[in-house]
Each structure stands twice: as C-alpha cells, then as structure tokens.
Amino acid sequence: MDTNSMWTLLQEIGIWIAHLNLVLVVIIFCSILAAGVFFERVLYFKKIDIDTGALLLRIRQEILDGNIVEAMNVCEQMPGAVSNIVKAGLCKHTRAVEYIENAMEQRGLIEIAKMEKNARMLSIIAHIAPLIGLLGTVIGFIKAFGEMRVSSLVEISATQIGEAMEYALVTTAAGLVVAIPAVIAYNYIISRIEAMTVEMQATANEVVDLLESRHGE
C-alpha cells in the first residue's frame, strides 16, 4: 500500500470514528436525560408523599363534628397528592355523595398525571438506547468491511480489523449500559405511582364514608 492509499484509508477511518463518537455522544446525552428525569421524579414523590394515617387521624373528628373548614385547613397544612384529593372532596361536602366522589376522582386523575409527568421518557430511553448503540455498531461494521473490500484483506492487518470491530461494539455495550438502569428506574417510578394511587383511592373512600355518615346523622 503506497502513502496516498494509506492516507486515504486513515481519513476514512477518521470519518468512521467520528460517526461512532457521534453515536456515543447521543447515548451519553440519553444517560444524562434519564438520570435527570429519575432524580426529578424521586424528589417530586418525596414532596407529595405524606403520612396518610396522620392526615386521617386529624381530619376524622373534624369531619364528624362538622368542622369542614378546619379539616380543609389541615389538608393545606399537610400538602400532598392525598391531601389535595381529600380537600377536593371536602369542598363538595354539601352535595350528594356522587358529586363528592366525582370531585375526588377528577382531582385524583390530575394528581396521577402529575406523577406520570416525564416518566415515559425513561421508557423511551430504555427502548432506543440499545437501538442507537446497535446503529453505531452497524455503521462501524459497514465502514470496516467497506475498507476491507477496497483495500483487500491482505493489506490490512488483523490488529487493525480487531480494533475496528472492538470500537464498533463499544456503542452497543454503551447503549445497554444506559438502557438497563433506565428500565429499572422506570419500573421503580411506575411502582411508586401504583402504590400512591392505591393509597389515594383508599383514603378517598374513607373520607366519602365519613362525609356520608355525617349526612346520615
């Protein structure tokens, strides 16, 4: 192989490496985005999660005594997803049970939507990160085999081929490294949402029972 051919080959390899580096940059960006979404959701759950038992303990007697305003003040003193739902029901305490349930259900949908905000981004990243890594590997193989075809296997050492293949496979590994934690993080967030949804439903039912028992007096 003459000097010009070697220089051309090095230029082609440089372009190929640049393509792979671009793929790695995209994967790194996905990892940063996934980490940001996960920690933002964890902090949000910590913000809206309250001691539901303590909330019910404080508002139960207030509701039974007819001190609805005081019960609503308790909800404001303990801000969170559950207290927001309870407050929505208390605002309709003079209406029929159906209206109270509907108000709490509507507020529950709002709270669930807030909890799910950006969570699907983790699922998307978990799905596309391996595909992006695989794309980088395919691009690397195409470039490597293209150079092998043009320059012939005789003129390219086994070491050069091995290095090219190794670098191409790095993108697939990087994609999997990002995808696996993203899957775990997404399922953790979904499990937190499901647990809080059950808690909201149970609390809402208890508040409805309290208001209904008060109306029956």
Protein backbone atom coordinates (compact mmCIF):
# COMPACT_ATOMS: atom_id res chain seq x y z
CA MET A 1 0.00 0.00 0.00
CA ASP A 2 1.51 3.37 -1.06
CA THR A 3 1.49 6.56 1.02
CA ASN A 4 -1.55 8.06 -0.73
CA SER A 5 -3.62 4.94 -0.23
CA MET A 6 -2.62 4.79 3.43
CA TRP A 7 -3.56 8.45 3.92
CA THR A 8 -6.94 7.87 2.26
CA LEU A 9 -7.52 4.86 4.48
CA LEU A 10 -6.67 6.86 7.61
CA GLN A 11 -9.06 9.61 6.54
CA GLU A 12 -11.85 7.08 6.03
CA ILE A 13 -11.15 5.53 9.43
CA GLY A 14 -11.21 9.01 10.97
CA ILE A 15 -14.65 9.68 9.48
CA TRP A 16 -15.84 6.29 10.71
CA ILE A 17 -14.60 7.01 14.24
CA ALA A 18 -16.29 10.41 14.10
CA HIS A 19 -19.60 8.71 13.29
CA LEU A 20 -19.17 6.37 16.22
CA ASN A 21 -18.24 9.23 18.51
CA LEU A 22 -21.45 11.00 17.48
CA VAL A 23 -23.41 7.88 18.40
CA LEU A 24 -21.64 7.74 21.78
CA VAL A 25 -22.45 11.41 22.37
CA VAL A 26 -26.13 10.68 21.74
CA ILE A 27 -26.01 7.73 24.14
CA ILE A 28 -24.31 9.84 26.81
CA PHE A 29 -26.97 12.52 26.35
CA CYS A 30 -29.66 9.84 26.82
CA SER A 31 -27.98 8.69 30.03
CA ILE A 32 -27.87 12.25 31.41
CA LEU A 33 -31.51 12.82 30.46
CA ALA A 34 -32.59 9.55 32.07
CA ALA A 35 -30.72 10.35 35.29
CA GLY A 36 -32.23 13.83 35.39
CA VAL A 37 -35.77 12.53 34.90
CA PHE A 38 -35.32 9.82 37.54
CA PHE A 39 -33.98 12.12 40.26
CA GLU A 40 -36.57 14.80 39.44
CA ARG A 41 -39.36 12.23 39.86
CA VAL A 42 -37.87 10.89 43.11
CA LEU A 43 -37.74 14.40 44.56
CA TYR A 44 -41.30 15.05 43.40
CA PHE A 45 -42.59 11.87 45.08
CA LYS A 46 -40.80 12.88 48.26
CA LYS A 47 -42.52 16.26 48.07
CA ILE A 48 -46.08 14.97 47.60
CA ASP A 49 -45.85 11.90 49.86
CA ILE A 50 -47.38 12.48 53.28
CA ASP A 51 -48.34 10.45 56.33
CA THR A 52 -51.84 9.46 55.27
CA GLY A 53 -52.62 7.92 58.64
CA ALA A 54 -51.77 11.16 60.41
CA LEU A 55 -53.90 13.12 57.95
CA LEU A 56 -56.94 10.91 58.50
CA LEU A 57 -56.43 11.00 62.25
CA ARG A 58 -56.52 14.79 62.23
CA ILE A 59 -59.48 15.26 59.90
CA ARG A 60 -61.71 12.38 61.03
CA GLN A 61 -63.07 14.05 64.15
CA GLU A 62 -63.25 17.45 62.43
CA ILE A 63 -65.48 15.95 59.73
CA LEU A 64 -67.69 14.14 62.23
CA ASP A 65 -68.03 17.36 64.24
CA GLY A 66 -68.96 19.29 61.12
CA ASN A 67 -65.79 21.42 61.16
CA ILE A 68 -65.20 21.09 57.42
CA VAL A 69 -63.27 24.35 57.16
CA GLU A 70 -60.89 23.18 59.85
CA ALA A 71 -60.50 19.84 58.06
CA MET A 72 -59.62 21.71 54.87
CA ASN A 73 -57.06 23.75 56.80
CA VAL A 74 -55.46 20.51 57.95
CA CYS A 75 -55.17 19.44 54.30
CA GLU A 76 -53.46 22.72 53.47
CA GLN A 77 -51.04 22.25 56.37
CA MET A 78 -50.08 18.82 55.00
CA PRO A 79 -49.77 19.47 51.25
CA GLY A 80 -49.53 16.40 49.06
CA ALA A 81 -51.35 14.31 46.48
CA VAL A 82 -53.63 12.61 49.02
CA SER A 83 -54.48 15.82 50.88
CA ASN A 84 -55.32 17.55 47.59
CA ILE A 85 -57.82 14.79 46.79
CA VAL A 86 -59.33 14.94 50.26
CA LYS A 87 -59.65 18.71 50.02
CA ALA A 88 -61.42 18.39 46.66
CA GLY A 89 -63.99 16.11 48.28
CA LEU A 90 -64.43 18.36 51.31
CA CYS A 91 -65.17 21.31 49.02
CA LYS A 92 -68.28 19.39 47.86
CA HIS A 93 -69.37 18.29 51.34
CA THR A 94 -72.81 19.90 50.97
CA ARG A 95 -73.54 17.98 47.76
CA ALA A 96 -74.64 14.39 47.25
CA VAL A 97 -72.12 11.57 47.61
CA GLU A 98 -71.94 11.17 43.82
CA TYR A 99 -70.67 14.75 43.43
CA ILE A 100 -68.10 14.25 46.21
CA GLU A 101 -66.81 11.07 44.61
CA ASN A 102 -66.66 12.71 41.20
CA ALA A 103 -64.72 15.70 42.55
CA MET A 104 -62.18 13.43 44.25
CA GLU A 105 -61.91 11.24 41.17
CA GLN A 106 -61.21 14.22 38.94
CA ARG A 107 -58.58 15.52 41.34
CA GLY A 108 -57.07 12.05 41.50
CA LEU A 109 -56.66 11.99 37.73
CA ILE A 110 -54.85 15.32 37.91
CA GLU A 111 -52.51 14.06 40.63
CA ILE A 112 -51.77 10.85 38.70
CA ALA A 113 -51.00 12.89 35.56
CA LYS A 114 -48.57 14.98 37.61
CA MET A 115 -46.87 11.86 38.94
CA GLU A 116 -46.56 10.37 35.46
CA LYS A 117 -45.04 13.55 34.02
CA ASN A 118 -41.77 12.77 32.16
CA ALA A 119 -41.82 9.18 33.47
CA ARG A 120 -42.50 7.81 29.98
CA MET A 121 -39.25 9.44 28.88
CA LEU A 122 -37.40 6.74 30.83
CA SER A 123 -39.29 4.04 28.94
CA ILE A 124 -38.43 5.68 25.62
CA ILE A 125 -34.75 5.92 26.53
CA ALA A 126 -34.73 2.30 27.70
CA HIS A 127 -36.05 1.25 24.28
CA ILE A 128 -33.99 3.47 21.99
CA ALA A 129 -30.59 3.40 23.75
CA PRO A 130 -29.79 -0.20 22.66
CA LEU A 131 -31.03 0.61 19.15
CA ILE A 132 -28.78 3.67 18.96
CA GLY A 133 -25.86 1.54 20.17
CA LEU A 134 -26.68 -1.13 17.60
CA LEU A 135 -26.81 1.56 14.90
CA GLY A 136 -23.30 2.64 15.87
CA THR A 137 -22.09 -0.93 15.66
CA VAL A 138 -23.68 -1.44 12.23
CA ILE A 139 -22.14 1.81 10.97
CA GLY A 140 -18.76 0.68 12.27
CA PHE A 141 -19.05 -2.71 10.60
CA ILE A 142 -20.15 -1.18 7.31
CA LYS A 143 -17.17 1.18 7.32
CA ALA A 144 -14.76 -1.58 8.35
CA PHE A 145 -15.96 -4.05 5.73
CA GLY A 146 -16.01 -1.28 3.14
CA GLU A 147 -12.35 -0.52 3.79
CA MET A 148 -11.53 -4.21 3.76
CA ARG A 149 -13.23 -4.59 0.38
CA VAL A 150 -11.48 -1.57 -1.12
CA SER A 151 -8.03 -2.18 0.31
CA SER A 152 -8.20 -6.02 0.41
CA LEU A 153 -7.68 -8.15 3.49
CA VAL A 154 -4.02 -8.70 2.62
CA GLU A 155 -3.14 -5.03 3.10
CA ILE A 156 -5.00 -4.60 6.42
CA SER A 157 -3.60 -6.34 9.46
CA ALA A 158 -5.67 -8.47 11.81
CA THR A 159 -4.92 -5.96 14.56
CA GLN A 160 -6.49 -3.14 12.58
CA ILE A 161 -9.57 -5.24 11.89
CA GLY A 162 -9.83 -6.24 15.56
CA GLU A 163 -9.53 -2.65 16.76
CA ALA A 164 -12.19 -1.52 14.29
CA MET A 165 -14.62 -4.26 15.36
CA GLU A 166 -13.91 -3.67 19.04
CA TYR A 167 -14.61 0.05 18.77
CA ALA A 168 -17.80 -0.62 16.84
CA LEU A 169 -19.08 -2.97 19.54
CA VAL A 170 -18.46 -0.35 22.23
CA THR A 171 -21.56 1.54 21.10
CA THR A 172 -23.79 -1.49 21.62
CA ALA A 173 -22.34 -2.01 25.09
CA ALA A 174 -22.83 1.67 25.89
CA GLY A 175 -26.45 1.50 24.76
CA LEU A 176 -27.11 -1.46 27.04
CA VAL A 177 -25.37 0.23 29.96
CA VAL A 178 -27.81 3.13 29.60
CA ALA A 179 -30.91 1.01 28.88
CA ILE A 180 -30.69 -1.39 31.83
CA PRO A 181 -30.71 1.29 34.58
CA ALA A 182 -33.41 3.17 32.65
CA VAL A 183 -35.66 0.09 32.71
CA ILE A 184 -35.09 -0.34 36.45
CA ALA A 185 -35.73 3.36 37.10
CA TYR A 186 -38.91 3.37 35.02
CA ASN A 187 -40.34 0.32 36.79
CA TYR A 188 -39.48 1.84 40.17
CA ILE A 189 -41.37 5.02 39.30
CA ILE A 190 -44.35 3.06 37.99
CA SER A 191 -44.45 1.02 41.19
CA ARG A 192 -44.42 4.22 43.25
CA ILE A 193 -47.27 5.64 41.18
CA GLU A 194 -49.31 2.46 41.57
CA ALA A 195 -48.73 2.39 45.34
CA MET A 196 -49.71 6.04 45.73
CA THR A 197 -52.77 5.52 43.52
CA VAL A 198 -53.99 2.72 45.80
CA GLU A 199 -53.33 4.92 48.82
CA MET A 200 -55.29 7.79 47.26
CA GLN A 201 -58.23 5.53 46.43
CA ALA A 202 -58.35 4.06 49.94
CA THR A 203 -58.18 7.49 51.57
CA ALA A 204 -60.83 8.90 49.25
CA ASN A 205 -63.19 6.03 50.08
CA GLU A 206 -62.71 6.59 53.82
CA VAL A 207 -63.39 10.33 53.51
CA VAL A 208 -66.53 9.61 51.49
CA ASP A 209 -67.70 7.22 54.20
CA LEU A 210 -67.08 9.87 56.86
CA LEU A 211 -69.00 12.51 54.94
CA GLU A 212 -71.80 10.07 54.21
CA SER A 213 -72.09 9.08 57.87
CA ARG A 214 -72.23 12.75 58.79
CA HIS A 215 -75.04 13.36 56.30
CA GLY A 216 -76.93 10.44 57.76
CA GLU A 217 -76.97 11.90 61.22
